Amino acid sequence: MELPSADQLCFLAGLGVIAAVGIIEWPVAAAIAVGHGLAHSQHGKALREFGEALEEA
């Protein structure tokens, strides 16, 4: 398992802060965090590369 990059950790920390303050609800923050994690996963990179290849074709 890899640790997230510094940028991703800052994003997640900020998301936690705004959820703790009450600007957004915890379930919304959790959904955003999961989506962020999926977008930056290896699987997401493969899908982006596939999409780029389709655009070039």
PDB file of N, CA and C in Angstrom:
ATOM      1  N   MET A   1       0.845  -1.179   0.000  1.00  0.00           N
ATOM      2  CA  MET A   1       0.000   0.000   0.000  1.00  0.00           C
ATOM      3  C   MET A   1       0.885   1.235   0.000  1.00  0.00           C
ATOM      4  N   GLU A   2       0.556   2.181  -0.858  1.00  0.00           N
ATOM      5  CA  GLU A   2       1.317   3.420  -0.954  1.00  0.00           C
ATOM      6  C   GLU A   2       0.634   4.526  -0.166  1.00  0.00           C
ATOM      7  N   LEU A   3       1.438   5.409   0.378  1.00  0.00           N
ATOM      8  CA  LEU A   3       0.883   6.592   1.011  1.00  0.00           C
ATOM      9  C   LEU A   3       0.524   7.607  -0.064  1.00  0.00           C
ATOM     10  N   PRO A   4      -0.535   8.379   0.157  1.00  0.00           N
ATOM     11  CA  PRO A   4      -0.882   9.418  -0.808  1.00  0.00           C
ATOM     12  C   PRO A   4       0.213  10.483  -0.874  1.00  0.00           C
ATOM     13  N   SER A   5       0.258  11.203  -1.981  1.00  0.00           N
ATOM     14  CA  SER A   5       1.236  12.282  -2.121  1.00  0.00           C
ATOM     15  C   SER A   5       0.886  13.415  -1.164  1.00  0.00           C
ATOM     16  N   ALA A   6       1.803  14.349  -1.024  1.00  0.00           N
ATOM     17  CA  ALA A   6       1.585  15.493  -0.125  1.00  0.00           C
ATOM     18  C   ALA A   6       0.365  16.307  -0.559  1.00  0.00           C
ATOM     19  N   ASP A   7       0.185  16.472  -1.862  1.00  0.00           N
ATOM     20  CA  ASP A   7      -0.980  17.215  -2.359  1.00  0.00           C
ATOM     21  C   ASP A   7      -2.280  16.521  -1.980  1.00  0.00           C
ATOM     22  N   GLN A   8      -2.306  15.201  -2.124  1.00  0.00           N
ATOM     23  CA  GLN A   8      -3.512  14.453  -1.784  1.00  0.00           C
ATOM     24  C   GLN A   8      -3.777  14.491  -0.283  1.00  0.00           C
ATOM     25  N   LEU A   9      -2.709  14.405   0.524  1.00  0.00           N
ATOM     26  CA  LEU A   9      -2.891  14.483   1.977  1.00  0.00           C
ATOM     27  C   LEU A   9      -3.438  15.841   2.392  1.00  0.00           C
ATOM     28  N   CYS A  10      -2.954  16.905   1.764  1.00  0.00           N
ATOM     29  CA  CYS A  10      -3.469  18.247   2.058  1.00  0.00           C
ATOM     30  C   CYS A  10      -4.939  18.359   1.686  1.00  0.00           C
ATOM     31  N   PHE A  11      -5.297  17.816   0.532  1.00  0.00           N
ATOM     32  CA  PHE A  11      -6.696  17.838   0.103  1.00  0.00           C
ATOM     33  C   PHE A  11      -7.576  17.116   1.115  1.00  0.00           C
ATOM     34  N   LEU A  12      -7.158  15.921   1.516  1.00  0.00           N
ATOM     35  CA  LEU A  12      -7.951  15.130   2.454  1.00  0.00           C
ATOM     36  C   LEU A  12      -8.020  15.794   3.833  1.00  0.00           C
ATOM     37  N   ALA A  13      -6.921  16.400   4.258  1.00  0.00           N
ATOM     38  CA  ALA A  13      -6.930  17.109   5.541  1.00  0.00           C
ATOM     39  C   ALA A  13      -7.883  18.295   5.489  1.00  0.00           C
ATOM     40  N   GLY A  14      -7.838  19.041   4.401  1.00  0.00           N
ATOM     41  CA  GLY A  14      -8.759  20.168   4.238  1.00  0.00           C
ATOM     42  C   GLY A  14     -10.206  19.717   4.210  1.00  0.00           C
ATOM     43  N   LEU A  15     -10.448  18.613   3.554  1.00  0.00           N
ATOM     44  CA  LEU A  15     -11.795  18.053   3.496  1.00  0.00           C
ATOM     45  C   LEU A  15     -12.264  17.667   4.898  1.00  0.00           C
ATOM     46  N   GLY A  16     -11.363  17.079   5.678  1.00  0.00           N
ATOM     47  CA  GLY A  16     -11.702  16.723   7.058  1.00  0.00           C
ATOM     48  C   GLY A  16     -11.997  17.946   7.914  1.00  0.00           C
ATOM     49  N   VAL A  17     -11.239  19.000   7.695  1.00  0.00           N
ATOM     50  CA  VAL A  17     -11.456  20.233   8.469  1.00  0.00           C
ATOM     51  C   VAL A  17     -12.815  20.839   8.151  1.00  0.00           C
ATOM     52  N   ILE A  18     -13.145  20.946   6.854  1.00  0.00           N
ATOM     53  CA  ILE A  18     -14.440  21.566   6.539  1.00  0.00           C
ATOM     54  C   ILE A  18     -15.612  20.686   6.967  1.00  0.00           C
ATOM     55  N   ALA A  19     -15.400  19.377   7.046  1.00  0.00           N
ATOM     56  CA  ALA A  19     -16.441  18.499   7.575  1.00  0.00           C
ATOM     57  C   ALA A  19     -16.545  18.660   9.089  1.00  0.00           C
ATOM     58  N   ALA A  20     -15.408  18.793   9.766  1.00  0.00           N
ATOM     59  CA  ALA A  20     -15.416  18.953  11.224  1.00  0.00           C
ATOM     60  C   ALA A  20     -16.058  20.274  11.637  1.00  0.00           C
ATOM     61  N   VAL A  21     -15.833  21.305  10.841  1.00  0.00           N
ATOM     62  CA  VAL A  21     -16.409  22.621  11.139  1.00  0.00           C
ATOM     63  C   VAL A  21     -17.910  22.620  10.868  1.00  0.00           C
ATOM     64  N   GLY A  22     -18.354  21.763   9.980  1.00  0.00           N
ATOM     65  CA  GLY A  22     -19.774  21.664   9.698  1.00  0.00           C
ATOM     66  C   GLY A  22     -20.182  22.324   8.399  1.00  0.00           C
ATOM     67  N   ILE A  23     -19.215  22.713   7.586  1.00  0.00           N
ATOM     68  CA  ILE A  23     -19.549  23.332   6.302  1.00  0.00           C
ATOM     69  C   ILE A  23     -20.205  22.305   5.383  1.00  0.00           C
ATOM     70  N   ILE A  24     -19.688  21.072   5.413  1.00  0.00           N
ATOM     71  CA  ILE A  24     -20.326  19.968   4.692  1.00  0.00           C
ATOM     72  C   ILE A  24     -20.526  18.823   5.682  1.00  0.00           C
ATOM     73  N   GLU A  25     -21.454  17.960   5.365  1.00  0.00           N
ATOM     74  CA  GLU A  25     -21.740  16.813   6.228  1.00  0.00           C
ATOM     75  C   GLU A  25     -20.703  15.714   6.021  1.00  0.00           C
ATOM     76  N   TRP A  26     -20.517  14.864   7.042  1.00  0.00           N
ATOM     77  CA  TRP A  26     -19.530  13.789   6.971  1.00  0.00           C
ATOM     78  C   TRP A  26     -19.771  12.812   5.824  1.00  0.00           C
ATOM     79  N   PRO A  27     -21.033  12.418   5.554  1.00  0.00           N
ATOM     80  CA  PRO A  27     -21.230  11.496   4.426  1.00  0.00           C
ATOM     81  C   PRO A  27     -20.807  12.112   3.084  1.00  0.00           C
ATOM     82  N   VAL A  28     -21.021  13.412   2.930  1.00  0.00           N
ATOM     83  CA  VAL A  28     -20.609  14.092   1.700  1.00  0.00           C
ATOM     84  C   VAL A  28     -19.082  14.111   1.622  1.00  0.00           C
ATOM     85  N   ALA A  29     -18.433  14.414   2.745  1.00  0.00           N
ATOM     86  CA  ALA A  29     -16.967  14.429   2.775  1.00  0.00           C
ATOM     87  C   ALA A  29     -16.410  13.043   2.459  1.00  0.00           C
ATOM     88  N   ALA A  30     -17.049  12.008   2.993  1.00  0.00           N
ATOM     89  CA  ALA A  30     -16.591  10.646   2.725  1.00  0.00           C
ATOM     90  C   ALA A  30     -16.751  10.295   1.249  1.00  0.00           C
ATOM     91  N   ALA A  31     -17.865  10.699   0.646  1.00  0.00           N
ATOM     92  CA  ALA A  31     -18.081  10.427  -0.773  1.00  0.00           C
ATOM     93  C   ALA A  31     -17.054  11.151  -1.631  1.00  0.00           C
ATOM     94  N   ILE A  32     -16.744  12.383  -1.282  1.00  0.00           N
ATOM     95  CA  ILE A  32     -15.740  13.146  -2.019  1.00  0.00           C
ATOM     96  C   ILE A  32     -14.370  12.486  -1.867  1.00  0.00           C
ATOM     97  N   ALA A  33     -14.039  12.046  -0.663  1.00  0.00           N
ATOM     98  CA  ALA A  33     -12.742  11.405  -0.423  1.00  0.00           C
ATOM     99  C   ALA A  33     -12.618  10.102  -1.213  1.00  0.00           C
ATOM    100  N   VAL A  34     -13.686   9.316  -1.249  1.00  0.00           N
ATOM    101  CA  VAL A  34     -13.654   8.067  -2.013  1.00  0.00           C
ATOM    102  C   VAL A  34     -13.503   8.369  -3.503  1.00  0.00           C
ATOM    103  N   GLY A  35     -14.244   9.332  -4.006  1.00  0.00           N
ATOM    104  CA  GLY A  35     -14.125   9.709  -5.407  1.00  0.00           C
ATOM    105  C   GLY A  35     -12.738  10.216  -5.748  1.00  0.00           C
ATOM    106  N   HIS A  36     -12.172  10.987  -4.851  1.00  0.00           N
ATOM    107  CA  HIS A  36     -10.811  11.502  -5.041  1.00  0.00           C
ATOM    108  C   HIS A  36      -9.815  10.347  -5.073  1.00  0.00           C
ATOM    109  N   GLY A  37      -9.983   9.406  -4.185  1.00  0.00           N
ATOM    110  CA  GLY A  37      -9.091   8.245  -4.153  1.00  0.00           C
ATOM    111  C   GLY A  37      -9.200   7.407  -5.414  1.00  0.00           C
ATOM    112  N   LEU A  38     -10.408   7.212  -5.896  1.00  0.00           N
ATOM    113  CA  LEU A  38     -10.600   6.437  -7.121  1.00  0.00           C
ATOM    114  C   LEU A  38     -10.022   7.156  -8.338  1.00  0.00           C
ATOM    115  N   ALA A  39     -10.158   8.461  -8.362  1.00  0.00           N
ATOM    116  CA  ALA A  39      -9.636   9.230  -9.497  1.00  0.00           C
ATOM    117  C   ALA A  39      -8.118   9.187  -9.555  1.00  0.00           C
ATOM    118  N   HIS A  40      -7.478   9.016  -8.409  1.00  0.00           N
ATOM    119  CA  HIS A  40      -6.017   9.014  -8.373  1.00  0.00           C
ATOM    120  C   HIS A  40      -5.421   7.616  -8.242  1.00  0.00           C
ATOM    121  N   SER A  41      -6.249   6.593  -8.372  1.00  0.00           N
ATOM    122  CA  SER A  41      -5.744   5.228  -8.254  1.00  0.00           C
ATOM    123  C   SER A  41      -5.108   4.777  -9.563  1.00  0.00           C
ATOM    124  N   GLN A  42      -4.409   3.671  -9.519  1.00  0.00           N
ATOM    125  CA  GLN A  42      -3.796   3.109 -10.717  1.00  0.00           C
ATOM    126  C   GLN A  42      -4.858   2.752 -11.745  1.00  0.00           C
ATOM    127  N   HIS A  43      -5.986   2.267 -11.281  1.00  0.00           N
ATOM    128  CA  HIS A  43      -7.067   1.907 -12.188  1.00  0.00           C
ATOM    129  C   HIS A  43      -7.568   3.151 -12.914  1.00  0.00           C
ATOM    130  N   GLY A  44      -7.679   4.265 -12.200  1.00  0.00           N
ATOM    131  CA  GLY A  44      -8.116   5.514 -12.809  1.00  0.00           C
ATOM    132  C   GLY A  44      -7.138   6.000 -13.865  1.00  0.00           C
ATOM    133  N   LYS A  45      -5.846   5.807 -13.628  1.00  0.00           N
ATOM    134  CA  LYS A  45      -4.838   6.208 -14.602  1.00  0.00           C
ATOM    135  C   LYS A  45      -4.977   5.393 -15.876  1.00  0.00           C
ATOM    136  N   ALA A  46      -5.243   4.106 -15.742  1.00  0.00           N
ATOM    137  CA  ALA A  46      -5.416   3.256 -16.915  1.00  0.00           C
ATOM    138  C   ALA A  46      -6.635   3.694 -17.718  1.00  0.00           C
ATOM    139  N   LEU A  47      -7.708   4.056 -17.025  1.00  0.00           N
ATOM    140  CA  LEU A  47      -8.901   4.522 -17.730  1.00  0.00           C
ATOM    141  C   LEU A  47      -8.650   5.841 -18.446  1.00  0.00           C
ATOM    142  N   ARG A  48      -7.901   6.749 -17.801  1.00  0.00           N
ATOM    143  CA  ARG A  48      -7.584   8.023 -18.455  1.00  0.00           C
ATOM    144  C   ARG A  48      -6.738   7.795 -19.702  1.00  0.00           C
ATOM    145  N   GLU A  49      -5.755   6.911 -19.600  1.00  0.00           N
ATOM    146  CA  GLU A  49      -4.917   6.610 -20.758  1.00  0.00           C
ATOM    147  C   GLU A  49      -5.741   5.984 -21.877  1.00  0.00           C
ATOM    148  N   PHE A  50      -6.669   5.119 -21.532  1.00  0.00           N
ATOM    149  CA  PHE A  50      -7.538   4.513 -22.526  1.00  0.00           C
ATOM    150  C   PHE A  50      -8.405   5.583 -23.200  1.00  0.00           C
ATOM    151  N   GLY A  51      -8.933   6.492 -22.411  1.00  0.00           N
ATOM    152  CA  GLY A  51      -9.742   7.582 -22.957  1.00  0.00           C
ATOM    153  C   GLY A  51      -8.945   8.484 -23.879  1.00  0.00           C
ATOM    154  N   GLU A  52      -7.697   8.779 -23.493  1.00  0.00           N
ATOM    155  CA  GLU A  52      -6.838   9.586 -24.345  1.00  0.00           C
ATOM    156  C   GLU A  52      -6.549   8.872 -25.659  1.00  0.00           C
ATOM    157  N   ALA A  53      -6.337   7.570 -25.611  1.00  0.00           N
ATOM    158  CA  ALA A  53      -6.085   6.795 -26.825  1.00  0.00           C
ATOM    159  C   ALA A  53      -7.317   6.819 -27.735  1.00  0.00           C
ATOM    160  N   LEU A  54      -8.501   6.743 -27.139  1.00  0.00           N
ATOM    161  CA  LEU A  54      -9.717   6.796 -27.942  1.00  0.00           C
ATOM    162  C   LEU A  54      -9.885   8.160 -28.605  1.00  0.00           C
ATOM    163  N   GLU A  55      -9.522   9.221 -27.889  1.00  0.00           N
ATOM    164  CA  GLU A  55      -9.621  10.562 -28.453  1.00  0.00           C
ATOM    165  C   GLU A  55      -8.691  10.737 -29.652  1.00  0.00           C
ATOM    166  N   GLU A  56      -7.532  10.121 -29.598  1.00  0.00           N
ATOM    167  CA  GLU A  56      -6.578  10.249 -30.692  1.00  0.00           C
ATOM    168  C   GLU A  56      -6.997   9.447 -31.913  1.00  0.00           C
ATOM    169  N   ALA A  57      -7.786   8.396 -31.703  1.00  0.00           N
ATOM    170  CA  ALA A  57      -8.177   7.510 -32.823  1.00  0.00           C
ATOM    171  C   ALA A  57      -9.216   8.148 -33.715  1.00  0.00           C
TER     172      ALA A  57
END
